[in-house]
Protein backbone atom coordinates (compact mmCIF):
# COMPACT_ATOMS: atom_id res chain seq x y z
CA MET A 1 69.99 102.24 -23.99
CA ARG A 2 70.39 98.50 -22.52
CA PRO A 3 72.06 96.58 -25.76
CA LEU A 4 70.13 94.54 -27.44
CA PRO A 5 70.49 90.76 -27.34
CA SER A 6 73.56 90.06 -29.74
CA THR A 7 71.66 89.15 -32.78
CA SER A 8 70.54 92.76 -32.96
CA PRO A 9 73.50 95.13 -34.70
CA PRO A 10 75.73 97.06 -32.71
CA LEU A 11 74.81 100.92 -32.13
CA GLY A 12 77.29 103.05 -33.84
CA LEU A 13 79.27 105.73 -32.27
CA ARG A 14 76.81 108.83 -33.02
CA GLU A 15 73.47 107.04 -31.04
CA ARG A 16 75.71 105.97 -28.55
CA LYS A 17 76.60 109.24 -27.78
CA LYS A 18 72.95 110.98 -28.61
CA ILE A 19 71.53 108.39 -25.84
CA LYS A 20 74.26 109.01 -23.42
CA LEU A 21 73.40 112.65 -23.76
CA ARG A 22 69.80 111.77 -23.24
CA ARG A 23 70.88 109.61 -20.22
CA SER A 24 72.88 112.46 -19.01
CA VAL A 25 70.28 115.19 -19.05
CA GLN A 26 67.28 113.35 -17.27
CA SER A 27 69.83 112.22 -14.70
CA GLU A 28 70.58 115.93 -14.10
CA ALA A 29 66.43 116.84 -14.70
CA LEU A 30 65.77 113.95 -11.74
CA ARG A 31 68.32 115.74 -9.14
CA LEU A 32 67.22 119.07 -9.82
CA PHE A 33 63.44 117.72 -9.44
CA ALA A 34 64.25 116.06 -6.53
CA GLU A 35 66.09 118.53 -5.09
CA GLN A 36 63.98 121.80 -5.50
CA GLY A 37 60.72 120.16 -7.03
CA TYR A 38 58.91 119.37 -10.56
CA GLU A 39 56.94 122.42 -10.90
CA ASP A 40 59.93 124.66 -9.75
CA THR A 41 62.68 123.30 -11.79
CA THR A 42 63.12 124.85 -15.76
CA VAL A 43 64.10 123.23 -18.86
CA GLU A 44 66.62 126.25 -18.36
CA GLN A 45 68.18 125.01 -15.43
CA ILE A 46 68.16 121.66 -17.09
CA ALA A 47 70.20 122.69 -19.63
CA ASP A 48 72.08 124.50 -17.60
CA ALA A 49 72.83 121.69 -15.31
CA ALA A 50 73.58 119.25 -17.98
CA ASP A 51 76.03 121.67 -19.67
CA ILE A 52 73.65 122.27 -22.54
CA SER A 53 71.84 124.91 -24.67
CA THR A 54 68.07 124.28 -24.62
CA THR A 55 67.77 124.35 -28.04
CA THR A 56 69.79 121.38 -27.75
CA PHE A 57 67.12 119.81 -24.37
CA TYR A 58 64.17 120.52 -27.05
CA ARG A 59 65.88 118.67 -29.50
CA TYR A 60 65.82 115.58 -27.13
CA PHE A 61 63.44 116.40 -25.28
CA PRO A 62 59.86 118.61 -26.83
CA THR A 63 59.10 119.10 -23.59
CA LYS A 64 59.72 119.34 -19.92
CA GLU A 65 57.52 116.04 -19.38
CA ASP A 66 59.34 113.77 -21.85
CA VAL A 67 62.57 113.98 -19.91
CA VAL A 68 60.44 111.80 -16.99
CA LEU A 69 58.42 109.75 -19.39
CA ASP A 70 61.55 108.99 -21.87
CA ASP A 71 63.28 104.87 -21.51
CA ASP A 72 64.17 102.48 -23.44
CA TYR A 73 62.19 99.38 -23.10
CA ASP A 74 59.95 99.32 -25.47
CA PRO A 75 62.75 98.12 -28.21
CA ILE A 76 63.51 95.04 -25.23
CA LEU A 77 60.25 94.19 -25.49
CA GLU A 78 59.48 94.18 -29.12
CA HIS A 79 62.59 92.21 -30.05
CA ILE A 80 62.11 89.36 -27.59
CA ILE A 81 58.48 89.77 -28.16
CA GLY A 82 58.41 90.56 -32.25
CA GLY A 83 61.10 88.23 -33.21
CA GLY A 84 60.49 85.09 -30.97
CA ASP A 85 60.26 81.51 -31.84
CA GLU A 86 56.93 80.40 -33.38
CA ASP A 87 57.44 77.47 -31.93
CA GLU A 88 57.63 78.91 -28.12
CA PRO A 89 54.54 79.45 -26.20
CA LEU A 90 53.70 83.45 -26.29
CA VAL A 91 53.72 83.40 -22.18
CA THR A 92 56.93 82.07 -22.70
CA THR A 93 58.35 84.80 -24.74
CA VAL A 94 56.20 87.57 -22.60
CA ARG A 95 58.06 86.19 -19.48
CA ARG A 96 61.66 85.87 -20.95
CA ALA A 97 60.76 89.74 -22.44
CA ILE A 98 60.00 91.31 -19.33
CA ALA A 99 62.44 89.35 -17.58
CA ALA A 100 64.83 91.66 -19.82
CA VAL A 101 63.29 94.64 -19.10
CA ALA A 102 63.38 94.29 -15.01
CA ALA A 103 67.19 93.69 -15.59
CA ALA A 104 67.40 96.91 -17.54
CA VAL A 105 65.28 99.12 -14.36
CA GLU A 106 67.44 97.56 -12.02
CA GLU A 107 69.92 98.40 -13.45
CA GLU A 108 69.29 102.48 -13.32
CA ARG A 109 66.94 101.43 -10.24
CA ASP A 110 67.52 104.59 -8.71
CA ALA A 111 66.74 106.95 -11.61
CA ALA A 112 63.93 104.58 -12.53
CA LEU A 113 62.06 104.83 -9.02
CA ALA A 114 62.34 108.60 -9.24
CA ARG A 115 60.57 108.68 -12.47
CA LEU A 116 57.85 106.42 -11.36
CA LYS A 117 57.35 108.36 -8.13
CA LEU A 118 57.14 111.66 -10.36
CA LEU A 119 54.77 110.10 -12.46
CA GLY A 120 52.19 108.99 -9.34
CA THR A 121 52.57 112.19 -7.68
CA VAL A 122 52.74 115.04 -10.70
CA PRO A 123 49.70 116.40 -12.02
CA ALA A 124 50.54 117.42 -15.48
CA LEU A 125 52.57 113.99 -15.57
CA LYS A 126 50.05 111.94 -14.68
CA ALA A 127 47.14 113.80 -17.26
CA ARG A 128 50.60 112.99 -19.98
CA GLN A 129 50.93 110.07 -19.13
CA GLY A 130 47.35 109.14 -19.71
CA ALA A 131 47.38 110.77 -22.95
CA GLU A 132 50.19 108.29 -23.81
CA GLY A 133 47.93 105.70 -22.88
CA ARG A 134 46.63 104.74 -26.52
CA LYS A 135 50.15 104.65 -28.59
CA SER A 136 51.32 101.91 -26.06
CA VAL A 137 48.12 100.39 -26.78
CA GLU A 138 48.84 100.40 -30.17
CA PHE A 139 52.70 99.35 -29.55
CA TYR A 140 51.69 96.60 -27.66
CA ILE A 141 48.70 94.97 -29.50
CA GLY A 142 51.14 95.43 -32.64
CA MET A 143 53.26 93.27 -31.24
CA PHE A 144 51.03 90.95 -29.92
CA SER A 145 49.48 90.75 -33.27
CA ALA A 146 52.81 89.82 -35.09
CA ARG A 147 53.18 87.08 -32.59
CA SER A 148 49.78 85.66 -32.43
CA GLY A 149 48.94 85.51 -35.65
CA ARG A 150 45.56 87.68 -34.87
CA PRO A 151 44.47 91.03 -36.78
CA ALA A 152 45.12 93.58 -35.31
CA GLY A 153 41.16 94.43 -34.39
CA ASP A 154 40.50 91.19 -32.84
CA PHE A 155 38.65 91.82 -29.73
CA GLN A 156 40.49 88.78 -27.43
CA LEU A 157 43.78 89.98 -28.63
CA ARG A 158 42.65 93.95 -27.54
CA VAL A 159 41.44 92.82 -24.10
CA THR A 160 44.20 91.07 -23.71
CA THR A 161 46.63 93.46 -24.62
CA ALA A 162 45.45 96.16 -21.94
CA ALA A 163 45.38 93.48 -19.57
CA PHE A 164 48.90 93.26 -20.01
CA ILE A 165 49.48 96.85 -20.42
CA ALA A 166 47.25 97.69 -16.78
CA ALA A 167 49.25 94.21 -14.81
CA GLN A 168 52.37 95.54 -15.12
CA LEU A 169 51.61 99.63 -14.94
CA GLU A 170 50.12 98.25 -11.63
CA ALA A 171 53.33 96.21 -10.86
CA ALA A 172 55.49 99.16 -11.44
CA ARG A 173 53.77 101.39 -9.11
CA CYS A 174 53.77 98.51 -6.17
CA TRP A 175 57.42 98.39 -6.68
CA ALA A 176 57.62 102.00 -6.78
CA ASP A 177 55.17 102.47 -3.77
CA ALA A 178 57.10 99.82 -1.77
CA ASP A 179 60.68 101.41 -2.59
CA GLY A 180 61.83 98.51 -4.44
CA ALA A 181 61.84 96.42 -1.71
CA GLU A 182 60.56 93.47 -3.41
CA PRO A 183 62.35 92.34 -6.92
CA LEU A 184 60.95 94.37 -10.32
CA GLY A 185 61.41 90.80 -12.06
CA ARG A 186 59.09 88.55 -9.56
CA LEU A 187 56.16 91.66 -9.10
CA LEU A 188 56.06 91.87 -12.77
CA ASP A 189 56.27 87.97 -13.51
CA ASP A 190 53.81 87.68 -10.84
CA ALA A 191 51.29 89.71 -12.90
CA VAL A 192 51.91 87.88 -15.97
CA THR A 193 51.00 84.84 -14.24
CA LEU A 194 47.59 86.62 -13.40
CA ILE A 195 46.91 87.27 -16.98
CA GLU A 196 48.59 84.51 -18.29
CA PRO A 197 45.23 82.53 -19.45
CA LEU A 198 44.13 85.33 -21.33
CA ILE A 199 47.91 85.35 -23.53
CA ALA A 200 48.13 81.61 -23.66
CA ALA A 201 44.98 81.94 -25.62
CA LEU A 202 46.02 84.04 -28.30
């Protein structure tokens, strides 16, 4: 997980160790998926490669799908958008948040590309990502609601949130499809530009 801006309290040693272990397990899983395929890789093999028990694996990742889906980007968005200056235009706040996420992704570029490609090609992961979609929508609705002052059930807020999520996902897919040839930050920012009138109207 990327440290949040300096206004956030520093993570304790126990939490840092948990994050380090999660990232280590994910790294070993992605290596095995690349070598022998997602379907042919078992949780037992991942645990063995990460030098942990299967019990410990399931303590951090409830399913094999979770080891691919897991990331630490939502707290970055939540911190910047949820804690943004109310006098700052929401679009500006969103751009700052997206730039911070892009920087975090670029720091783990290879793993991020591998995860996105798996999400785009493995049926089980596609299905799981679709099922998780509602949670993402509610997460972003909550953030935009808190920042804009509109109620969570507001139609304009919900449509804008859906457009924002779709635009960001498509930008990330384009980045992965091109093997990261174009800067992720620019693609994500361009996606915000396309829906800027919707965000600005909140």
